[in-house]
Amino acid sequence: MTRLRFLLLEDNPLDAEVTKVTLTDSGLDIAIQIVETRSQFITALKTQTFDLILADYALPGFDGYEALTITRDRNPDIPFIFSRITSRRSRSPRARDTTRPQSCPRR
């Protein structure tokens, strides 16, 4: 099986570690690159390929919504998931509106 490459946008080191350990303990064969800033995020997208992006939506000077916009402009096929590890942040309505599936088949 091919190792999956994840990009994690998270400014809190403890939250980043919790995410990394949780995903690693799940049994997935993954490599996770952690970035904390807008410039690190853009550099990672320019220089590497990723199978999934996980992003905190409340960062100082940069938010997950902007990260989603950048991702859609540069690499629209990469799945993008907003993550929230701690309860100290409120959920952004902009993030909620842009992550709803475009279509979801009913059975």
PDB file of N, CA and C in Angstrom:
ATOM      1  N   MET A   1       0.838  -1.171   0.000  1.00  0.00           N
ATOM      2  CA  MET A   1       0.000   0.000   0.000  1.00  0.00           C
ATOM      3  C   MET A   1       0.893   1.247   0.000  1.00  0.00           C
ATOM      4  N   THR A   2       0.491   2.262  -0.730  1.00  0.00           N
ATOM      5  CA  THR A   2       1.242   3.496  -0.824  1.00  0.00           C
ATOM      6  C   THR A   2       1.005   4.365   0.412  1.00  0.00           C
ATOM      7  N   ARG A   3       2.065   4.958   0.892  1.00  0.00           N
ATOM      8  CA  ARG A   3       1.958   5.865   2.039  1.00  0.00           C
ATOM      9  C   ARG A   3       1.182   7.108   1.629  1.00  0.00           C
ATOM     10  N   LEU A   4       0.214   7.503   2.444  1.00  0.00           N
ATOM     11  CA  LEU A   4      -0.573   8.702   2.192  1.00  0.00           C
ATOM     12  C   LEU A   4       0.153   9.915   2.769  1.00  0.00           C
ATOM     13  N   ARG A   5       0.116  11.031   2.033  1.00  0.00           N
ATOM     14  CA  ARG A   5       0.770  12.271   2.465  1.00  0.00           C
ATOM     15  C   ARG A   5      -0.294  13.288   2.865  1.00  0.00           C
ATOM     16  N   PHE A   6      -0.247  13.695   4.135  1.00  0.00           N
ATOM     17  CA  PHE A   6      -1.200  14.658   4.666  1.00  0.00           C
ATOM     18  C   PHE A   6      -0.483  15.967   4.962  1.00  0.00           C
ATOM     19  N   LEU A   7      -1.165  17.068   4.696  1.00  0.00           N
ATOM     20  CA  LEU A   7      -0.686  18.382   5.094  1.00  0.00           C
ATOM     21  C   LEU A   7      -1.605  18.870   6.199  1.00  0.00           C
ATOM     22  N   LEU A   8      -1.028  19.221   7.347  1.00  0.00           N
ATOM     23  CA  LEU A   8      -1.795  19.689   8.497  1.00  0.00           C
ATOM     24  C   LEU A   8      -1.453  21.146   8.756  1.00  0.00           C
ATOM     25  N   LEU A   9      -2.442  22.010   8.652  1.00  0.00           N
ATOM     26  CA  LEU A   9      -2.291  23.423   8.978  1.00  0.00           C
ATOM     27  C   LEU A   9      -2.813  23.627  10.393  1.00  0.00           C
ATOM     28  N   GLU A  10      -1.897  23.821  11.322  1.00  0.00           N
ATOM     29  CA  GLU A  10      -2.259  23.928  12.740  1.00  0.00           C
ATOM     30  C   GLU A  10      -1.210  24.762  13.463  1.00  0.00           C
ATOM     31  N   ASP A  11      -1.641  25.796  14.169  1.00  0.00           N
ATOM     32  CA  ASP A  11      -0.698  26.675  14.869  1.00  0.00           C
ATOM     33  C   ASP A  11      -0.429  26.245  16.310  1.00  0.00           C
ATOM     34  N   ASN A  12      -1.238  25.350  16.841  1.00  0.00           N
ATOM     35  CA  ASN A  12      -1.058  24.890  18.217  1.00  0.00           C
ATOM     36  C   ASN A  12      -0.299  23.565  18.209  1.00  0.00           C
ATOM     37  N   PRO A  13       0.933  23.548  18.752  1.00  0.00           N
ATOM     38  CA  PRO A  13       1.738  22.311  18.717  1.00  0.00           C
ATOM     39  C   PRO A  13       1.062  21.115  19.393  1.00  0.00           C
ATOM     40  N   LEU A  14       0.341  21.355  20.488  1.00  0.00           N
ATOM     41  CA  LEU A  14      -0.340  20.250  21.173  1.00  0.00           C
ATOM     42  C   LEU A  14      -1.456  19.681  20.291  1.00  0.00           C
ATOM     43  N   ASP A  15      -2.239  20.559  19.670  1.00  0.00           N
ATOM     44  CA  ASP A  15      -3.302  20.092  18.762  1.00  0.00           C
ATOM     45  C   ASP A  15      -2.716  19.328  17.579  1.00  0.00           C
ATOM     46  N   ALA A  16      -1.589  19.820  17.058  1.00  0.00           N
ATOM     47  CA  ALA A  16      -0.931  19.137  15.934  1.00  0.00           C
ATOM     48  C   ALA A  16      -0.477  17.742  16.353  1.00  0.00           C
ATOM     49  N   GLU A  17       0.079  17.639  17.551  1.00  0.00           N
ATOM     50  CA  GLU A  17       0.550  16.343  18.035  1.00  0.00           C
ATOM     51  C   GLU A  17      -0.616  15.376  18.264  1.00  0.00           C
ATOM     52  N   VAL A  18      -1.716  15.879  18.822  1.00  0.00           N
ATOM     53  CA  VAL A  18      -2.902  15.032  19.035  1.00  0.00           C
ATOM     54  C   VAL A  18      -3.406  14.501  17.697  1.00  0.00           C
ATOM     55  N   THR A  19      -3.478  15.355  16.695  1.00  0.00           N
ATOM     56  CA  THR A  19      -3.927  14.930  15.364  1.00  0.00           C
ATOM     57  C   THR A  19      -2.983  13.885  14.795  1.00  0.00           C
ATOM     58  N   LYS A  20      -1.691  14.160  14.876  1.00  0.00           N
ATOM     59  CA  LYS A  20      -0.695  13.238  14.328  1.00  0.00           C
ATOM     60  C   LYS A  20      -0.769  11.868  15.005  1.00  0.00           C
ATOM     61  N   VAL A  21      -0.828  11.843  16.316  1.00  0.00           N
ATOM     62  CA  VAL A  21      -0.878  10.577  17.055  1.00  0.00           C
ATOM     63  C   VAL A  21      -2.176   9.829  16.749  1.00  0.00           C
ATOM     64  N   THR A  22      -3.278  10.550  16.707  1.00  0.00           N
ATOM     65  CA  THR A  22      -4.567   9.915  16.417  1.00  0.00           C
ATOM     66  C   THR A  22      -4.563   9.247  15.043  1.00  0.00           C
ATOM     67  N   LEU A  23      -4.058   9.960  14.055  1.00  0.00           N
ATOM     68  CA  LEU A  23      -4.011   9.394  12.705  1.00  0.00           C
ATOM     69  C   LEU A  23      -3.022   8.237  12.608  1.00  0.00           C
ATOM     70  N   THR A  24      -1.878   8.368  13.242  1.00  0.00           N
ATOM     71  CA  THR A  24      -0.868   7.307  13.216  1.00  0.00           C
ATOM     72  C   THR A  24      -1.386   6.056  13.927  1.00  0.00           C
ATOM     73  N   ASP A  25      -2.045   6.266  15.068  1.00  0.00           N
ATOM     74  CA  ASP A  25      -2.579   5.131  15.828  1.00  0.00           C
ATOM     75  C   ASP A  25      -3.742   4.438  15.130  1.00  0.00           C
ATOM     76  N   SER A  26      -4.325   5.093  14.129  1.00  0.00           N
ATOM     77  CA  SER A  26      -5.461   4.496  13.426  1.00  0.00           C
ATOM     78  C   SER A  26      -5.032   3.338  12.531  1.00  0.00           C
ATOM     79  N   GLY A  27      -3.720   3.218  12.319  1.00  0.00           N
ATOM     80  CA  GLY A  27      -3.223   2.143  11.472  1.00  0.00           C
ATOM     81  C   GLY A  27      -2.970   2.566  10.035  1.00  0.00           C
ATOM     82  N   LEU A  28      -3.279   3.804   9.711  1.00  0.00           N
ATOM     83  CA  LEU A  28      -3.004   4.305   8.358  1.00  0.00           C
ATOM     84  C   LEU A  28      -1.503   4.474   8.165  1.00  0.00           C
ATOM     85  N   ASP A  29      -1.038   4.191   6.977  1.00  0.00           N
ATOM     86  CA  ASP A  29       0.360   4.429   6.629  1.00  0.00           C
ATOM     87  C   ASP A  29       0.442   5.848   6.079  1.00  0.00           C
ATOM     88  N   ILE A  30       0.819   6.809   6.941  1.00  0.00           N
ATOM     89  CA  ILE A  30       0.784   8.211   6.559  1.00  0.00           C
ATOM     90  C   ILE A  30       2.083   8.931   6.889  1.00  0.00           C
ATOM     91  N   ALA A  31       2.316   9.974   6.125  1.00  0.00           N
ATOM     92  CA  ALA A  31       3.368  10.937   6.428  1.00  0.00           C
ATOM     93  C   ALA A  31       2.649  12.276   6.581  1.00  0.00           C
ATOM     94  N   ILE A  32       2.893  12.968   7.679  1.00  0.00           N
ATOM     95  CA  ILE A  32       2.213  14.229   7.949  1.00  0.00           C
ATOM     96  C   ILE A  32       3.224  15.363   7.983  1.00  0.00           C
ATOM     97  N   GLN A  33       2.963  16.386   7.174  1.00  0.00           N
ATOM     98  CA  GLN A  33       3.754  17.603   7.268  1.00  0.00           C
ATOM     99  C   GLN A  33       2.900  18.639   7.982  1.00  0.00           C
ATOM    100  N   ILE A  34       3.458  19.243   9.016  1.00  0.00           N
ATOM    101  CA  ILE A  34       2.743  20.239   9.794  1.00  0.00           C
ATOM    102  C   ILE A  34       3.273  21.626   9.434  1.00  0.00           C
ATOM    103  N   VAL A  35       2.346  22.534   9.112  1.00  0.00           N
ATOM    104  CA  VAL A  35       2.703  23.926   8.852  1.00  0.00           C
ATOM    105  C   VAL A  35       1.844  24.807   9.745  1.00  0.00           C
ATOM    106  N   GLU A  36       2.370  26.001  10.072  1.00  0.00           N
ATOM    107  CA  GLU A  36       1.675  26.887  11.004  1.00  0.00           C
ATOM    108  C   GLU A  36       1.255  28.213  10.397  1.00  0.00           C
ATOM    109  N   THR A  37       1.831  28.583   9.263  1.00  0.00           N
ATOM    110  CA  THR A  37       1.588  29.913   8.711  1.00  0.00           C
ATOM    111  C   THR A  37       1.147  29.837   7.254  1.00  0.00           C
ATOM    112  N   ARG A  38       0.662  30.970   6.764  1.00  0.00           N
ATOM    113  CA  ARG A  38       0.241  31.081   5.375  1.00  0.00           C
ATOM    114  C   ARG A  38       1.411  30.796   4.434  1.00  0.00           C
ATOM    115  N   SER A  39       2.553  31.397   4.702  1.00  0.00           N
ATOM    116  CA  SER A  39       3.702  31.198   3.802  1.00  0.00           C
ATOM    117  C   SER A  39       4.178  29.751   3.807  1.00  0.00           C
ATOM    118  N   GLN A  40       4.192  29.096   4.957  1.00  0.00           N
ATOM    119  CA  GLN A  40       4.565  27.679   5.016  1.00  0.00           C
ATOM    120  C   GLN A  40       3.562  26.822   4.255  1.00  0.00           C
ATOM    121  N   PHE A  41       2.288  27.167   4.371  1.00  0.00           N
ATOM    122  CA  PHE A  41       1.223  26.426   3.691  1.00  0.00           C
ATOM    123  C   PHE A  41       1.400  26.520   2.175  1.00  0.00           C
ATOM    124  N   ILE A  42       1.591  27.736   1.671  1.00  0.00           N
ATOM    125  CA  ILE A  42       1.749  27.934   0.231  1.00  0.00           C
ATOM    126  C   ILE A  42       3.010  27.251  -0.278  1.00  0.00           C
ATOM    127  N   THR A  43       4.101  27.357   0.462  1.00  0.00           N
ATOM    128  CA  THR A  43       5.348  26.688   0.062  1.00  0.00           C
ATOM    129  C   THR A  43       5.142  25.181  -0.023  1.00  0.00           C
ATOM    130  N   ALA A  44       4.468  24.612   0.955  1.00  0.00           N
ATOM    131  CA  ALA A  44       4.215  23.163   0.945  1.00  0.00           C
ATOM    132  C   ALA A  44       3.399  22.765  -0.280  1.00  0.00           C
ATOM    133  N   LEU A  45       2.370  23.540  -0.614  1.00  0.00           N
ATOM    134  CA  LEU A  45       1.549  23.224  -1.787  1.00  0.00           C
ATOM    135  C   LEU A  45       2.332  23.342  -3.090  1.00  0.00           C
ATOM    136  N   LYS A  46       3.270  24.279  -3.141  1.00  0.00           N
ATOM    137  CA  LYS A  46       4.068  24.481  -4.350  1.00  0.00           C
ATOM    138  C   LYS A  46       5.129  23.402  -4.544  1.00  0.00           C
ATOM    139  N   THR A  47       5.654  22.872  -3.447  1.00  0.00           N
ATOM    140  CA  THR A  47       6.829  22.003  -3.536  1.00  0.00           C
ATOM    141  C   THR A  47       6.545  20.520  -3.332  1.00  0.00           C
ATOM    142  N   GLN A  48       5.339  20.176  -2.873  1.00  0.00           N
ATOM    143  CA  GLN A  48       5.043  18.779  -2.583  1.00  0.00           C
ATOM    144  C   GLN A  48       3.643  18.421  -3.048  1.00  0.00           C
ATOM    145  N   THR A  49       3.368  17.141  -3.071  1.00  0.00           N
ATOM    146  CA  THR A  49       2.018  16.677  -3.380  1.00  0.00           C
ATOM    147  C   THR A  49       1.428  16.052  -2.124  1.00  0.00           C
ATOM    148  N   PHE A  50       0.122  16.228  -1.962  1.00  0.00           N
ATOM    149  CA  PHE A  50      -0.564  15.717  -0.785  1.00  0.00           C
ATOM    150  C   PHE A  50      -1.827  14.986  -1.196  1.00  0.00           C
ATOM    151  N   ASP A  51      -2.190  13.996  -0.386  1.00  0.00           N
ATOM    152  CA  ASP A  51      -3.416  13.247  -0.611  1.00  0.00           C
ATOM    153  C   ASP A  51      -4.597  13.857   0.139  1.00  0.00           C
ATOM    154  N   LEU A  52      -4.285  14.650   1.180  1.00  0.00           N
ATOM    155  CA  LEU A  52      -5.333  15.229   2.022  1.00  0.00           C
ATOM    156  C   LEU A  52      -4.767  16.435   2.757  1.00  0.00           C
ATOM    157  N   ILE A  53      -5.611  17.449   2.933  1.00  0.00           N
ATOM    158  CA  ILE A  53      -5.241  18.598   3.749  1.00  0.00           C
ATOM    159  C   ILE A  53      -6.211  18.682   4.915  1.00  0.00           C
ATOM    160  N   LEU A  54      -5.655  18.779   6.110  1.00  0.00           N
ATOM    161  CA  LEU A  54      -6.425  19.031   7.328  1.00  0.00           C
ATOM    162  C   LEU A  54      -6.056  20.429   7.791  1.00  0.00           C
ATOM    163  N   ALA A  55      -7.044  21.260   8.087  1.00  0.00           N
ATOM    164  CA  ALA A  55      -6.733  22.644   8.438  1.00  0.00           C
ATOM    165  C   ALA A  55      -7.572  23.145   9.602  1.00  0.00           C
ATOM    166  N   ASP A  56      -6.893  23.728  10.556  1.00  0.00           N
ATOM    167  CA  ASP A  56      -7.563  24.490  11.593  1.00  0.00           C
ATOM    168  C   ASP A  56      -8.172  25.699  10.903  1.00  0.00           C
ATOM    169  N   TYR A  57      -9.338  26.140  11.332  1.00  0.00           N
ATOM    170  CA  TYR A  57      -9.943  27.271  10.639  1.00  0.00           C
ATOM    171  C   TYR A  57      -9.775  28.585  11.379  1.00  0.00           C
ATOM    172  N   ALA A  58      -9.080  28.575  12.522  1.00  0.00           N
ATOM    173  CA  ALA A  58      -8.866  29.814  13.277  1.00  0.00           C
ATOM    174  C   ALA A  58      -7.394  29.925  13.648  1.00  0.00           C
ATOM    175  N   LEU A  59      -6.649  30.612  12.791  1.00  0.00           N
ATOM    176  CA  LEU A  59      -5.230  30.844  13.043  1.00  0.00           C
ATOM    177  C   LEU A  59      -4.984  32.351  13.083  1.00  0.00           C
ATOM    178  N   PRO A  60      -3.956  32.791  13.799  1.00  0.00           N
ATOM    179  CA  PRO A  60      -3.664  34.222  13.823  1.00  0.00           C
ATOM    180  C   PRO A  60      -3.213  34.725  12.446  1.00  0.00           C
ATOM    181  N   GLY A  61      -3.940  35.665  11.882  1.00  0.00           N
ATOM    182  CA  GLY A  61      -3.563  36.264  10.615  1.00  0.00           C
ATOM    183  C   GLY A  61      -3.837  35.418   9.386  1.00  0.00           C
ATOM    184  N   PHE A  62      -4.419  34.262   9.560  1.00  0.00           N
ATOM    185  CA  PHE A  62      -4.670  33.339   8.456  1.00  0.00           C
ATOM    186  C   PHE A  62      -5.718  32.354   8.938  1.00  0.00           C
ATOM    187  N   ASP A  63      -6.710  32.078   8.120  1.00  0.00           N
ATOM    188  CA  ASP A  63      -7.726  31.124   8.576  1.00  0.00           C
ATOM    189  C   ASP A  63      -7.913  29.987   7.579  1.00  0.00           C
ATOM    190  N   GLY A  64      -8.609  28.987   8.035  1.00  0.00           N
ATOM    191  CA  GLY A  64      -8.830  27.810   7.216  1.00  0.00           C
ATOM    192  C   GLY A  64      -9.607  28.111   5.950  1.00  0.00           C
ATOM    193  N   TYR A  65     -10.496  29.110   6.008  1.00  0.00           N
ATOM    194  CA  TYR A  65     -11.246  29.474   4.811  1.00  0.00           C
ATOM    195  C   TYR A  65     -10.302  29.981   3.722  1.00  0.00           C
ATOM    196  N   GLU A  66      -9.337  30.817   4.115  1.00  0.00           N
ATOM    197  CA  GLU A  66      -8.349  31.298   3.146  1.00  0.00           C
ATOM    198  C   GLU A  66      -7.497  30.133   2.631  1.00  0.00           C
ATOM    199  N   ALA A  67      -7.145  29.215   3.521  1.00  0.00           N
ATOM    200  CA  ALA A  67      -6.382  28.035   3.104  1.00  0.00           C
ATOM    201  C   ALA A  67      -7.171  27.202   2.102  1.00  0.00           C
ATOM    202  N   LEU A  68      -8.470  27.067   2.323  1.00  0.00           N
ATOM    203  CA  LEU A  68      -9.326  26.338   1.387  1.00  0.00           C
ATOM    204  C   LEU A  68      -9.347  27.036   0.025  1.00  0.00           C
ATOM    205  N   THR A  69      -9.462  28.361   0.023  1.00  0.00           N
ATOM    206  CA  THR A  69      -9.470  29.124  -1.220  1.00  0.00           C
ATOM    207  C   THR A  69      -8.161  28.942  -1.980  1.00  0.00           C
ATOM    208  N   ILE A  70      -7.045  29.017  -1.278  1.00  0.00           N
ATOM    209  CA  ILE A  70      -5.732  28.819  -1.892  1.00  0.00           C
ATOM    210  C   ILE A  70      -5.633  27.416  -2.472  1.00  0.00           C
ATOM    211  N   THR A  71      -6.095  26.438  -1.726  1.00  0.00           N
ATOM    212  CA  THR A  71      -6.037  25.046  -2.183  1.00  0.00           C
ATOM    213  C   THR A  71      -6.877  24.849  -3.432  1.00  0.00           C
ATOM    214  N   ARG A  72      -8.081  25.379  -3.428  1.00  0.00           N
ATOM    215  CA  ARG A  72      -8.965  25.228  -4.597  1.00  0.00           C
ATOM    216  C   ARG A  72      -8.367  25.891  -5.836  1.00  0.00           C
ATOM    217  N   ASP A  73      -7.670  27.021  -5.640  1.00  0.00           N
ATOM    218  CA  ASP A  73      -7.047  27.717  -6.767  1.00  0.00           C
ATOM    219  C   ASP A  73      -5.851  26.949  -7.323  1.00  0.00           C
ATOM    220  N   ARG A  74      -5.067  26.331  -6.465  1.00  0.00           N
ATOM    221  CA  ARG A  74      -3.823  25.681  -6.885  1.00  0.00           C
ATOM    222  C   ARG A  74      -3.978  24.191  -7.154  1.00  0.00           C
ATOM    223  N   ASN A  75      -4.713  23.512  -6.309  1.00  0.00           N
ATOM    224  CA  ASN A  75      -4.851  22.050  -6.388  1.00  0.00           C
ATOM    225  C   ASN A  75      -6.286  21.653  -6.048  1.00  0.00           C
ATOM    226  N   PRO A  76      -7.230  21.911  -6.939  1.00  0.00           N
ATOM    227  CA  PRO A  76      -8.640  21.702  -6.604  1.00  0.00           C
ATOM    228  C   PRO A  76      -9.035  20.252  -6.327  1.00  0.00           C
ATOM    229  N   ASP A  77      -8.201  19.291  -6.680  1.00  0.00           N
ATOM    230  CA  ASP A  77      -8.562  17.889  -6.486  1.00  0.00           C
ATOM    231  C   ASP A  77      -8.149  17.325  -5.124  1.00  0.00           C
ATOM    232  N   ILE A  78      -7.412  18.088  -4.340  1.00  0.00           N
ATOM    233  CA  ILE A  78      -6.987  17.586  -3.026  1.00  0.00           C
ATOM    234  C   ILE A  78      -8.152  17.712  -2.045  1.00  0.00           C
ATOM    235  N   PRO A  79      -8.537  16.616  -1.410  1.00  0.00           N
ATOM    236  CA  PRO A  79      -9.576  16.712  -0.375  1.00  0.00           C
ATOM    237  C   PRO A  79      -9.115  17.623   0.760  1.00  0.00           C
ATOM    238  N   PHE A  80     -10.032  18.427   1.285  1.00  0.00           N
ATOM    239  CA  PHE A  80      -9.729  19.426   2.305  1.00  0.00           C
ATOM    240  C   PHE A  80     -10.724  19.262   3.442  1.00  0.00           C
ATOM    241  N   ILE A  81     -10.207  19.108   4.659  1.00  0.00           N
ATOM    242  CA  ILE A  81     -11.058  18.916   5.827  1.00  0.00           C
ATOM    243  C   ILE A  81     -10.683  19.946   6.885  1.00  0.00           C
ATOM    244  N   PHE A  82     -11.697  20.651   7.403  1.00  0.00           N
ATOM    245  CA  PHE A  82     -11.463  21.524   8.544  1.00  0.00           C
ATOM    246  C   PHE A  82     -11.400  20.656   9.793  1.00  0.00           C
ATOM    247  N   SER A  83     -10.448  20.967  10.658  1.00  0.00           N
ATOM    248  CA  SER A  83     -10.331  20.195  11.894  1.00  0.00           C
ATOM    249  C   SER A  83     -10.382  21.130  13.086  1.00  0.00           C
ATOM    250  N   ARG A  84     -10.898  20.611  14.166  1.00  0.00           N
ATOM    251  CA  ARG A  84     -10.914  21.352  15.428  1.00  0.00           C
ATOM    252  C   ARG A  84     -10.635  20.362  16.535  1.00  0.00           C
ATOM    253  N   ILE A  85      -9.524  20.551  17.191  1.00  0.00           N
ATOM    254  CA  ILE A  85      -9.143  19.627  18.252  1.00  0.00           C
ATOM    255  C   ILE A  85      -9.639  20.110  19.600  1.00  0.00           C
ATOM    256  N   THR A  86      -9.458  21.381  19.901  1.00  0.00           N
ATOM    257  CA  THR A  86      -9.862  21.909  21.205  1.00  0.00           C
ATOM    258  C   THR A  86     -11.179  22.654  21.085  1.00  0.00           C
ATOM    259  N   SER A  87     -11.844  22.812  22.195  1.00  0.00           N
ATOM    260  CA  SER A  87     -13.146  23.488  22.185  1.00  0.00           C
ATOM    261  C   SER A  87     -13.011  24.984  22.427  1.00  0.00           C
ATOM    262  N   ARG A  88     -11.805  25.514  22.454  1.00  0.00           N
ATOM    263  CA  ARG A  88     -11.608  26.937  22.740  1.00  0.00           C
ATOM    264  C   ARG A  88     -11.948  27.836  21.564  1.00  0.00           C
ATOM    265  N   ARG A  89     -12.226  27.285  20.417  1.00  0.00           N
ATOM    266  CA  ARG A  89     -12.508  28.081  19.229  1.00  0.00           C
ATOM    267  C   ARG A  89     -13.952  27.868  18.798  1.00  0.00           C
ATOM    268  N   SER A  90     -14.565  28.908  18.300  1.00  0.00           N
ATOM    269  CA  SER A  90     -15.928  28.758  17.790  1.00  0.00           C
ATOM    270  C   SER A  90     -15.875  28.428  16.305  1.00  0.00           C
ATOM    271  N   ARG A  91     -16.846  27.718  15.843  1.00  0.00           N
ATOM    272  CA  ARG A  91     -16.867  27.300  14.443  1.00  0.00           C
ATOM    273  C   ARG A  91     -17.233  28.467  13.533  1.00  0.00           C
ATOM    274  N   SER A  92     -16.475  28.608  12.488  1.00  0.00           N
ATOM    275  CA  SER A  92     -16.689  29.685  11.526  1.00  0.00           C
ATOM    276  C   SER A  92     -17.853  29.349  10.605  1.00  0.00           C
ATOM    277  N   PRO A  93     -18.860  30.239  10.495  1.00  0.00           N
ATOM    278  CA  PRO A  93     -19.954  29.974   9.555  1.00  0.00           C
ATOM    279  C   PRO A  93     -19.468  29.909   8.115  1.00  0.00           C
ATOM    280  N   ARG A  94     -18.438  30.686   7.766  1.00  0.00           N
ATOM    281  CA  ARG A  94     -17.897  30.641   6.403  1.00  0.00           C
ATOM    282  C   ARG A  94     -17.342  29.251   6.113  1.00  0.00           C
ATOM    283  N   ALA A  95     -16.661  28.648   7.084  1.00  0.00           N
ATOM    284  CA  ALA A  95     -16.101  27.316   6.887  1.00  0.00           C
ATOM    285  C   ALA A  95     -17.222  26.295   6.703  1.00  0.00           C
ATOM    286  N   ARG A  96     -18.255  26.402   7.517  1.00  0.00           N
ATOM    287  CA  ARG A  96     -19.369  25.457   7.433  1.00  0.00           C
ATOM    288  C   ARG A  96     -20.036  25.533   6.067  1.00  0.00           C
ATOM    289  N   ASP A  97     -20.261  26.734   5.552  1.00  0.00           N
ATOM    290  CA  ASP A  97     -20.938  26.894   4.269  1.00  0.00           C
ATOM    291  C   ASP A  97     -20.137  26.355   3.101  1.00  0.00           C
ATOM    292  N   THR A  98     -18.814  26.460   3.132  1.00  0.00           N
ATOM    293  CA  THR A  98     -18.004  26.034   1.991  1.00  0.00           C
ATOM    294  C   THR A  98     -17.659  24.559   2.017  1.00  0.00           C
ATOM    295  N   THR A  99     -17.902  23.877   3.121  1.00  0.00           N
ATOM    296  CA  THR A  99     -17.535  22.469   3.188  1.00  0.00           C
ATOM    297  C   THR A  99     -18.723  21.538   3.005  1.00  0.00           C
ATOM    298  N   ARG A 100     -19.891  22.088   2.813  1.00  0.00           N
ATOM    299  CA  ARG A 100     -21.040  21.218   2.555  1.00  0.00           C
ATOM    300  C   ARG A 100     -20.855  20.514   1.221  1.00  0.00           C
ATOM    301  N   PRO A 101     -21.188  19.249   1.158  1.00  0.00           N
ATOM    302  CA  PRO A 101     -21.045  18.548  -0.122  1.00  0.00           C
ATOM    303  C   PRO A 101     -21.903  19.195  -1.200  1.00  0.00           C
ATOM    304  N   GLN A 102     -21.384  19.224  -2.410  1.00  0.00           N
ATOM    305  CA  GLN A 102     -22.143  19.785  -3.535  1.00  0.00           C
ATOM    306  C   GLN A 102     -23.328  18.898  -3.870  1.00  0.00           C
ATOM    307  N   SER A 103     -23.105  17.611  -3.746  1.00  0.00           N
ATOM    308  CA  SER A 103     -24.216  16.680  -3.948  1.00  0.00           C
ATOM    309  C   SER A 103     -23.959  15.450  -3.098  1.00  0.00           C
ATOM    310  N   CYS A 104     -25.024  14.945  -2.567  1.00  0.00           N
ATOM    311  CA  CYS A 104     -24.915  13.776  -1.710  1.00  0.00           C
ATOM    312  C   CYS A 104     -26.067  12.832  -2.067  1.00  0.00           C
ATOM    313  N   PRO A 105     -25.740  11.722  -2.721  1.00  0.00           N
ATOM    314  CA  PRO A 105     -26.810  10.822  -3.134  1.00  0.00           C
ATOM    315  C   PRO A 105     -27.540  10.215  -1.937  1.00  0.00           C
ATOM    316  N   ARG A 106     -28.813  10.131  -2.040  1.00  0.00           N
ATOM    317  CA  ARG A 106     -29.620   9.519  -0.980  1.00  0.00           C
ATOM    318  C   ARG A 106     -29.977   8.095  -1.373  1.00  0.00           C
ATOM    319  N   ARG A 107     -30.075   7.282  -0.402  1.00  0.00           N
ATOM    320  CA  ARG A 107     -30.428   5.872  -0.648  1.00  0.00           C
ATOM    321  C   ARG A 107     -31.707   5.524   0.065  1.00  0.00           C
TER     322      ARG A 107
END
